Amino acid sequence: MRRVVLALAAALLCVCASAAMASADPASCQLYDSHGLCVVGAQTPGNGGGTATQPAATGRDGETPSPSATCTLTPSGTVIPCQQGQAWWVQDMQCYAEAIAQQPPKDSPEWGGHRDGAIYLCTFYTGGRSFPGTNGLAFWAATAPAGPAAVDPAELAQQALRTLTVPAPTTGRYPGGTMQDGQPFTVVNAYTWFWTDPASFRQLTARADAGGVWAQVTVTPTALSFTPGDGAAAVSCPGPGVGWQPSDGVWAPSPAGCDYRYPHSSIHQPDRRVTATYSIRWSVTWTSSTGAGGTLPDLTTTADATFAVAEAEAVVTR
């Protein structure tokens, strides 16, 4: 039975060879199957023994997408792993290539008369299934066939960062009441506490994967700052601050150090109010499966609050 199968395979290959006679030299075979038979109809690594190359995938307007390297089956477009053990996917050959560990003698037909380069094994994707007698095709190439473009873990880290929604601060403040006209206010020379909701001041992580490589970013809040809006410089504290409670007393400073004292009323400010800006500064670090890592530029998220700064009048009674 095996002889019959081999005879049929040889006959089919002869038909393919005769169909390709006009464009291929029958004496310069570059692909051999597991039985040592020349496969003329298969795509070769190039003309005249050149190397196989994988066209760079391009996006709109010729822009090269970053950072993922996608390996697919043609024509279905099914995405498959770009690596199989030590072998790598060669897109235009539609197989995994790997240099044969023990190279055959130079007078073997696989070399096709060449003395340089190497013999590679071209193994087809089977989705984990095994097909006896079809373990691959041997071919010669002057240099290693090009695999998928290398994935830059730093670009993956940027991609992971773009998936995160980094929160803006909430605008907690005391004194935080309203005047008779409904306008919010604070008081001159009082300790104006500022804080943000702790939920907006927490560490965030995200991960992106491509081509067997992953990168993870960690975004960490490092400070809450308060730009008072009266022309003074921002003040900051290392945490989210704490919300004022009646038990803290009316004139007490914030135990978290998140406070500011307005020296003047806002009567001379536009609309007789100030607009304070709350900011959270975030540090960004990243690690990857390749061992590479580092930092990315800090981020800052902000939110504004507009209110009056009122004079507090003391009334002395006897």
Protein backbone atom coordinates (compact mmCIF):
# COMPACT_ATOMS: atom_id res chain seq x y z
CA MET A 1 0.00 0.00 0.00
CA ARG A 2 2.86 2.39 0.91
CA ARG A 3 4.40 1.83 -2.56
CA VAL A 4 1.10 2.71 -4.20
CA VAL A 5 0.80 5.94 -2.17
CA LEU A 6 4.37 6.93 -2.97
CA ALA A 7 3.83 6.14 -6.63
CA LEU A 8 0.73 8.32 -6.73
CA ALA A 9 2.55 11.14 -4.91
CA ALA A 10 5.43 10.91 -7.36
CA ALA A 11 3.02 10.98 -10.29
CA LEU A 12 1.28 14.08 -8.96
CA LEU A 13 4.59 15.79 -8.38
CA CYS A 14 5.65 14.99 -11.93
CA VAL A 15 2.46 16.64 -13.20
CA CYS A 16 3.25 19.75 -11.10
CA ALA A 17 6.79 19.73 -12.37
CA SER A 18 5.73 19.55 -16.02
CA ALA A 19 3.33 22.46 -15.47
CA ALA A 20 6.15 24.55 -14.03
CA MET A 21 8.77 23.68 -16.71
CA ALA A 22 8.35 27.04 -18.43
CA SER A 23 9.28 29.00 -15.32
CA ALA A 24 11.48 26.69 -13.24
CA ASP A 25 14.70 24.84 -13.89
CA PRO A 26 14.00 21.16 -13.14
CA ALA A 27 17.59 20.66 -12.14
CA SER A 28 17.51 23.26 -9.35
CA CYS A 29 14.97 21.91 -6.88
CA GLN A 30 14.78 23.91 -3.67
CA LEU A 31 11.98 22.15 -1.76
CA TYR A 32 12.02 18.49 -0.79
CA ASP A 33 9.36 16.65 1.14
CA SER A 34 9.92 14.17 3.96
CA HIS A 35 10.45 11.38 1.44
CA GLY A 36 13.17 13.21 -0.46
CA LEU A 37 10.88 14.03 -3.40
CA CYS A 38 11.16 17.43 -5.08
CA VAL A 39 8.14 19.68 -4.62
CA VAL A 40 8.15 21.97 -7.62
CA GLY A 41 4.77 23.59 -7.11
CA ALA A 42 5.52 24.97 -3.64
CA GLN A 43 6.62 28.57 -3.21
CA THR A 44 10.39 28.84 -2.94
CA PRO A 45 12.48 31.15 -0.79
CA GLY A 46 13.11 33.46 -3.75
CA ASN A 47 14.39 33.56 -7.29
CA GLY A 48 17.78 32.07 -7.91
CA GLY A 49 18.19 30.92 -4.32
CA GLY A 50 17.34 34.26 -2.69
CA THR A 51 15.90 34.49 0.80
CA ALA A 52 12.24 34.38 1.71
CA THR A 53 10.90 37.64 3.03
CA GLN A 54 7.75 38.56 4.89
CA PRO A 55 6.12 41.76 3.62
CA ALA A 56 5.62 44.26 6.42
CA ALA A 57 1.96 44.56 7.29
CA THR A 58 0.77 48.08 6.64
CA GLY A 59 -2.20 50.04 7.84
CA ARG A 60 -4.04 52.95 6.33
CA ASP A 61 -2.01 55.21 4.06
CA GLY A 62 0.91 52.81 4.23
CA GLU A 63 1.46 53.37 7.93
CA THR A 64 3.13 50.43 9.62
CA PRO A 65 1.05 49.35 12.59
CA SER A 66 2.78 49.09 15.91
CA PRO A 67 3.64 47.10 17.82
CA SER A 68 1.98 43.76 17.03
CA ALA A 69 3.32 41.20 14.58
CA THR A 70 0.44 39.14 13.19
CA CYS A 71 0.90 35.70 11.65
CA THR A 72 -1.99 34.39 9.57
CA LEU A 73 -3.06 31.54 7.33
CA THR A 74 -3.77 32.45 3.73
CA PRO A 75 -6.46 32.87 2.47
CA SER A 76 -8.61 32.39 5.59
CA GLY A 77 -6.80 35.07 7.57
CA THR A 78 -6.82 32.89 10.69
CA VAL A 79 -4.35 34.27 13.24
CA ILE A 80 -1.87 31.64 14.45
CA PRO A 81 1.15 31.66 16.81
CA CYS A 82 4.24 33.26 15.31
CA GLN A 83 6.49 30.74 17.07
CA GLN A 84 6.39 26.96 17.26
CA GLY A 85 9.20 25.75 19.48
CA GLN A 86 12.40 27.07 17.89
CA ALA A 87 10.73 27.51 14.50
CA TRP A 88 9.27 30.80 13.29
CA TRP A 89 6.39 31.51 10.94
CA VAL A 90 7.34 32.64 7.42
CA GLN A 91 4.26 34.38 6.10
CA ASP A 92 4.87 34.12 2.37
CA MET A 93 5.88 30.43 2.61
CA GLN A 94 2.96 29.63 4.98
CA CYS A 95 5.05 27.39 7.20
CA TYR A 96 7.30 27.38 10.25
CA ALA A 97 10.98 27.51 9.30
CA GLU A 98 13.89 26.15 11.28
CA ALA A 99 17.45 25.24 10.31
CA ILE A 100 17.91 21.49 10.35
CA ALA A 101 20.07 20.65 13.36
CA GLN A 102 22.18 18.08 11.51
CA GLN A 103 22.73 19.48 8.04
CA PRO A 104 22.75 16.87 5.25
CA PRO A 105 25.96 16.28 3.25
CA LYS A 106 26.71 19.00 0.68
CA ASP A 107 26.28 16.52 -2.16
CA SER A 108 22.69 15.81 -1.10
CA PRO A 109 20.01 16.91 -3.59
CA GLU A 110 18.55 19.36 -1.06
CA TRP A 111 21.58 21.63 -1.56
CA GLY A 112 20.92 21.94 -5.29
CA GLY A 113 24.63 22.39 -5.90
CA HIS A 114 25.00 25.26 -3.43
CA ARG A 115 27.91 25.36 -1.00
CA ASP A 116 26.76 28.26 1.18
CA GLY A 117 23.66 28.91 3.23
CA ALA A 118 21.81 26.14 5.03
CA ILE A 119 19.00 23.62 4.68
CA TYR A 120 15.81 24.55 6.53
CA LEU A 121 12.75 22.54 7.45
CA CYS A 122 9.40 24.05 6.49
CA THR A 123 6.66 22.67 8.76
CA PHE A 124 3.00 23.43 8.10
CA TYR A 125 0.57 24.64 10.75
CA THR A 126 -1.74 21.80 11.84
CA GLY A 127 -3.49 23.32 14.85
CA GLY A 128 -2.00 20.69 17.12
CA ARG A 129 -3.11 17.79 14.93
CA SER A 130 -0.61 15.29 13.54
CA PHE A 131 -0.52 13.93 9.99
CA PRO A 132 1.90 10.97 9.59
CA GLY A 133 4.35 11.28 6.73
CA THR A 134 3.93 15.04 6.34
CA ASN A 135 6.42 16.35 8.87
CA GLY A 136 7.70 19.07 6.56
CA LEU A 137 9.60 20.16 3.49
CA ALA A 138 13.32 20.75 3.25
CA PHE A 139 14.69 23.73 1.33
CA TRP A 140 17.92 25.61 0.85
CA ALA A 141 18.33 29.33 1.55
CA ALA A 142 21.38 31.55 1.54
CA THR A 143 20.21 33.27 4.75
CA ALA A 144 17.52 32.53 7.29
CA PRO A 145 13.99 33.26 6.01
CA ALA A 146 12.51 36.39 7.48
CA GLY A 147 10.09 35.86 10.32
CA PRO A 148 7.49 38.28 11.68
CA ALA A 149 8.68 41.74 12.60
CA ALA A 150 10.08 41.91 16.10
CA VAL A 151 7.69 43.24 18.70
CA ASP A 152 9.05 46.22 20.64
CA PRO A 153 8.02 45.77 24.30
CA ALA A 154 8.30 49.53 24.86
CA GLU A 155 5.68 50.07 22.15
CA LEU A 156 3.54 47.40 23.78
CA ALA A 157 3.82 49.31 27.06
CA GLN A 158 2.56 52.45 25.33
CA GLN A 159 -0.32 50.44 23.89
CA ALA A 160 -1.21 49.10 27.34
CA LEU A 161 -1.13 52.62 28.77
CA ARG A 162 -3.60 53.83 26.14
CA THR A 163 -6.15 51.29 27.40
CA LEU A 164 -6.23 52.84 30.87
CA THR A 165 -8.61 55.56 32.00
CA VAL A 166 -6.58 57.50 34.56
CA PRO A 167 -9.03 59.30 36.85
CA ALA A 168 -9.17 63.04 37.45
CA PRO A 169 -9.33 64.21 41.07
CA THR A 170 -12.57 65.05 42.81
CA THR A 171 -12.66 68.52 44.37
CA GLY A 172 -13.22 68.06 48.07
CA ARG A 173 -12.80 71.26 50.12
CA TYR A 174 -13.44 72.73 53.56
CA PRO A 175 -14.73 75.31 54.31
CA GLY A 176 -17.16 74.16 51.67
CA GLY A 177 -20.44 75.80 52.46
CA THR A 178 -22.46 78.26 50.39
CA MET A 179 -23.36 81.89 51.00
CA GLN A 180 -26.91 83.27 50.97
CA ASP A 181 -26.78 83.71 47.20
CA GLY A 182 -25.82 80.03 46.79
CA GLN A 183 -22.21 80.79 45.90
CA PRO A 184 -19.65 78.33 47.35
CA PHE A 185 -16.94 79.87 49.48
CA THR A 186 -13.95 79.45 51.72
CA VAL A 187 -12.59 81.87 54.31
CA VAL A 188 -9.57 84.18 54.39
CA ASN A 189 -6.74 82.88 56.63
CA ALA A 190 -8.62 79.69 57.45
CA TYR A 191 -6.97 76.38 56.63
CA THR A 192 -8.71 75.48 53.40
CA TRP A 193 -8.53 71.71 53.26
CA PHE A 194 -8.42 70.01 49.86
CA TRP A 195 -8.76 66.33 49.08
CA THR A 196 -9.81 63.83 46.44
CA ASP A 197 -11.85 60.67 46.68
CA PRO A 198 -9.46 57.78 47.53
CA ALA A 199 -10.95 55.83 44.60
CA SER A 200 -9.35 58.37 42.25
CA PHE A 201 -5.98 58.01 43.98
CA ARG A 202 -5.04 54.36 43.51
CA GLN A 203 -2.58 52.31 41.51
CA LEU A 204 -3.66 51.08 38.07
CA THR A 205 -2.21 48.35 35.84
CA ALA A 206 -2.75 47.24 32.26
CA ARG A 207 -1.15 44.69 29.98
CA ALA A 208 -0.81 44.26 26.22
CA ASP A 209 0.27 41.14 24.32
CA ALA A 210 1.51 40.67 20.77
CA GLY A 211 3.59 38.10 18.94
CA GLY A 212 4.31 36.10 22.09
CA VAL A 213 5.55 39.21 23.95
CA TRP A 214 3.74 41.03 26.74
CA ALA A 215 4.31 44.33 28.51
CA GLN A 216 2.61 45.62 31.64
CA VAL A 217 2.35 49.22 32.79
CA THR A 218 1.79 50.37 36.36
CA VAL A 219 0.44 53.87 36.93
CA THR A 220 0.92 55.10 40.49
CA PRO A 221 -0.39 58.36 42.03
CA THR A 222 2.45 60.25 43.72
CA ALA A 223 0.98 63.59 44.82
CA LEU A 224 -2.16 65.68 45.01
CA SER A 225 -1.63 69.37 44.35
CA PHE A 226 -3.82 72.45 44.72
CA THR A 227 -3.27 75.61 42.68
CA PRO A 228 -5.31 78.17 44.64
CA GLY A 229 -6.15 80.47 41.75
CA ASP A 230 -5.11 83.67 43.52
CA GLY A 231 -1.73 83.84 41.83
CA ALA A 232 0.13 81.83 44.45
CA ALA A 233 2.11 78.69 43.63
CA ALA A 234 0.58 75.25 43.96
CA VAL A 235 0.82 73.35 47.23
CA SER A 236 0.87 69.58 47.33
CA CYS A 237 0.72 66.56 49.59
CA PRO A 238 1.80 62.95 48.98
CA GLY A 239 -1.62 61.34 49.33
CA PRO A 240 -5.29 61.96 48.52
CA GLY A 241 -5.83 64.09 51.62
CA VAL A 242 -8.62 63.51 54.11
CA GLY A 243 -12.11 64.89 54.26
CA TRP A 244 -12.89 67.35 57.04
CA GLN A 245 -15.06 66.18 59.93
CA PRO A 246 -16.73 68.38 62.60
CA SER A 247 -14.57 66.71 65.23
CA ASP A 248 -11.49 68.17 63.50
CA GLY A 249 -12.40 71.69 64.61
CA VAL A 250 -13.12 74.77 62.52
CA TRP A 251 -9.61 76.24 62.32
CA ALA A 252 -7.43 73.12 62.40
CA PRO A 253 -4.91 72.36 59.64
CA SER A 254 -5.34 69.18 57.60
CA PRO A 255 -3.56 66.24 59.28
CA ALA A 256 -2.56 65.08 55.79
CA GLY A 257 -0.86 68.39 55.04
CA CYS A 258 -3.32 69.09 52.22
CA ASP A 259 -4.33 72.67 52.97
CA TYR A 260 -3.81 76.28 51.90
CA ARG A 261 -4.52 79.62 53.61
CA TYR A 262 -5.85 82.40 51.39
CA PRO A 263 -4.28 85.70 52.51
CA HIS A 264 -6.88 87.93 50.84
CA SER A 265 -10.51 87.79 49.81
CA SER A 266 -11.46 87.26 46.20
CA ILE A 267 -13.24 90.60 45.89
CA HIS A 268 -10.70 91.84 43.37
CA GLN A 269 -10.68 88.61 41.32
CA PRO A 270 -12.75 88.19 38.12
CA ASP A 271 -16.37 87.63 39.15
CA ARG A 272 -15.11 88.03 42.73
CA ARG A 273 -14.17 84.35 42.75
CA VAL A 274 -11.09 82.17 42.30
CA THR A 275 -10.77 79.03 40.24
CA ALA A 276 -8.60 76.46 41.99
CA THR A 277 -7.08 73.54 40.11
CA TYR A 278 -6.70 70.11 41.71
CA SER A 279 -4.07 67.88 40.13
CA ILE A 280 -2.95 64.29 40.62
CA ARG A 281 0.53 63.46 39.39
CA TRP A 282 1.13 59.87 38.28
CA SER A 283 4.35 57.96 37.74
CA VAL A 284 4.39 55.29 35.02
CA THR A 285 6.62 52.21 35.03
CA TRP A 286 6.62 49.14 32.82
CA THR A 287 7.96 45.60 32.68
CA SER A 288 7.86 42.97 29.94
CA SER A 289 8.31 39.29 29.22
CA THR A 290 11.62 40.07 27.49
CA GLY A 291 13.15 41.48 30.68
CA ALA A 292 13.07 45.01 29.30
CA GLY A 293 11.38 47.70 31.36
CA GLY A 294 11.66 51.25 32.54
CA THR A 295 9.62 54.38 33.00
CA LEU A 296 7.34 56.46 30.81
CA PRO A 297 6.69 60.19 31.19
CA ASP A 298 4.65 61.18 34.24
CA LEU A 299 0.96 61.91 33.78
CA THR A 300 -1.17 64.62 35.37
CA THR A 301 -4.96 64.68 35.66
CA THR A 302 -6.79 67.84 36.74
CA ALA A 303 -10.15 69.23 37.80
CA ASP A 304 -11.24 72.81 38.59
CA ALA A 305 -13.40 74.29 41.33
CA THR A 306 -14.64 77.91 41.41
CA PHE A 307 -15.61 79.60 44.68
CA ALA A 308 -15.39 82.88 46.60
CA VAL A 309 -12.86 83.66 49.32
CA ALA A 310 -14.82 85.55 51.99
CA GLU A 311 -13.74 87.73 54.86
CA ALA A 312 -14.78 86.34 58.22
CA GLU A 313 -16.04 88.98 60.62
CA ALA A 314 -15.66 88.48 64.32
CA VAL A 315 -18.38 89.72 66.63
CA VAL A 316 -17.37 90.48 70.24
CA THR A 317 -20.11 90.29 72.85
CA ARG A 318 -19.98 91.21 76.54
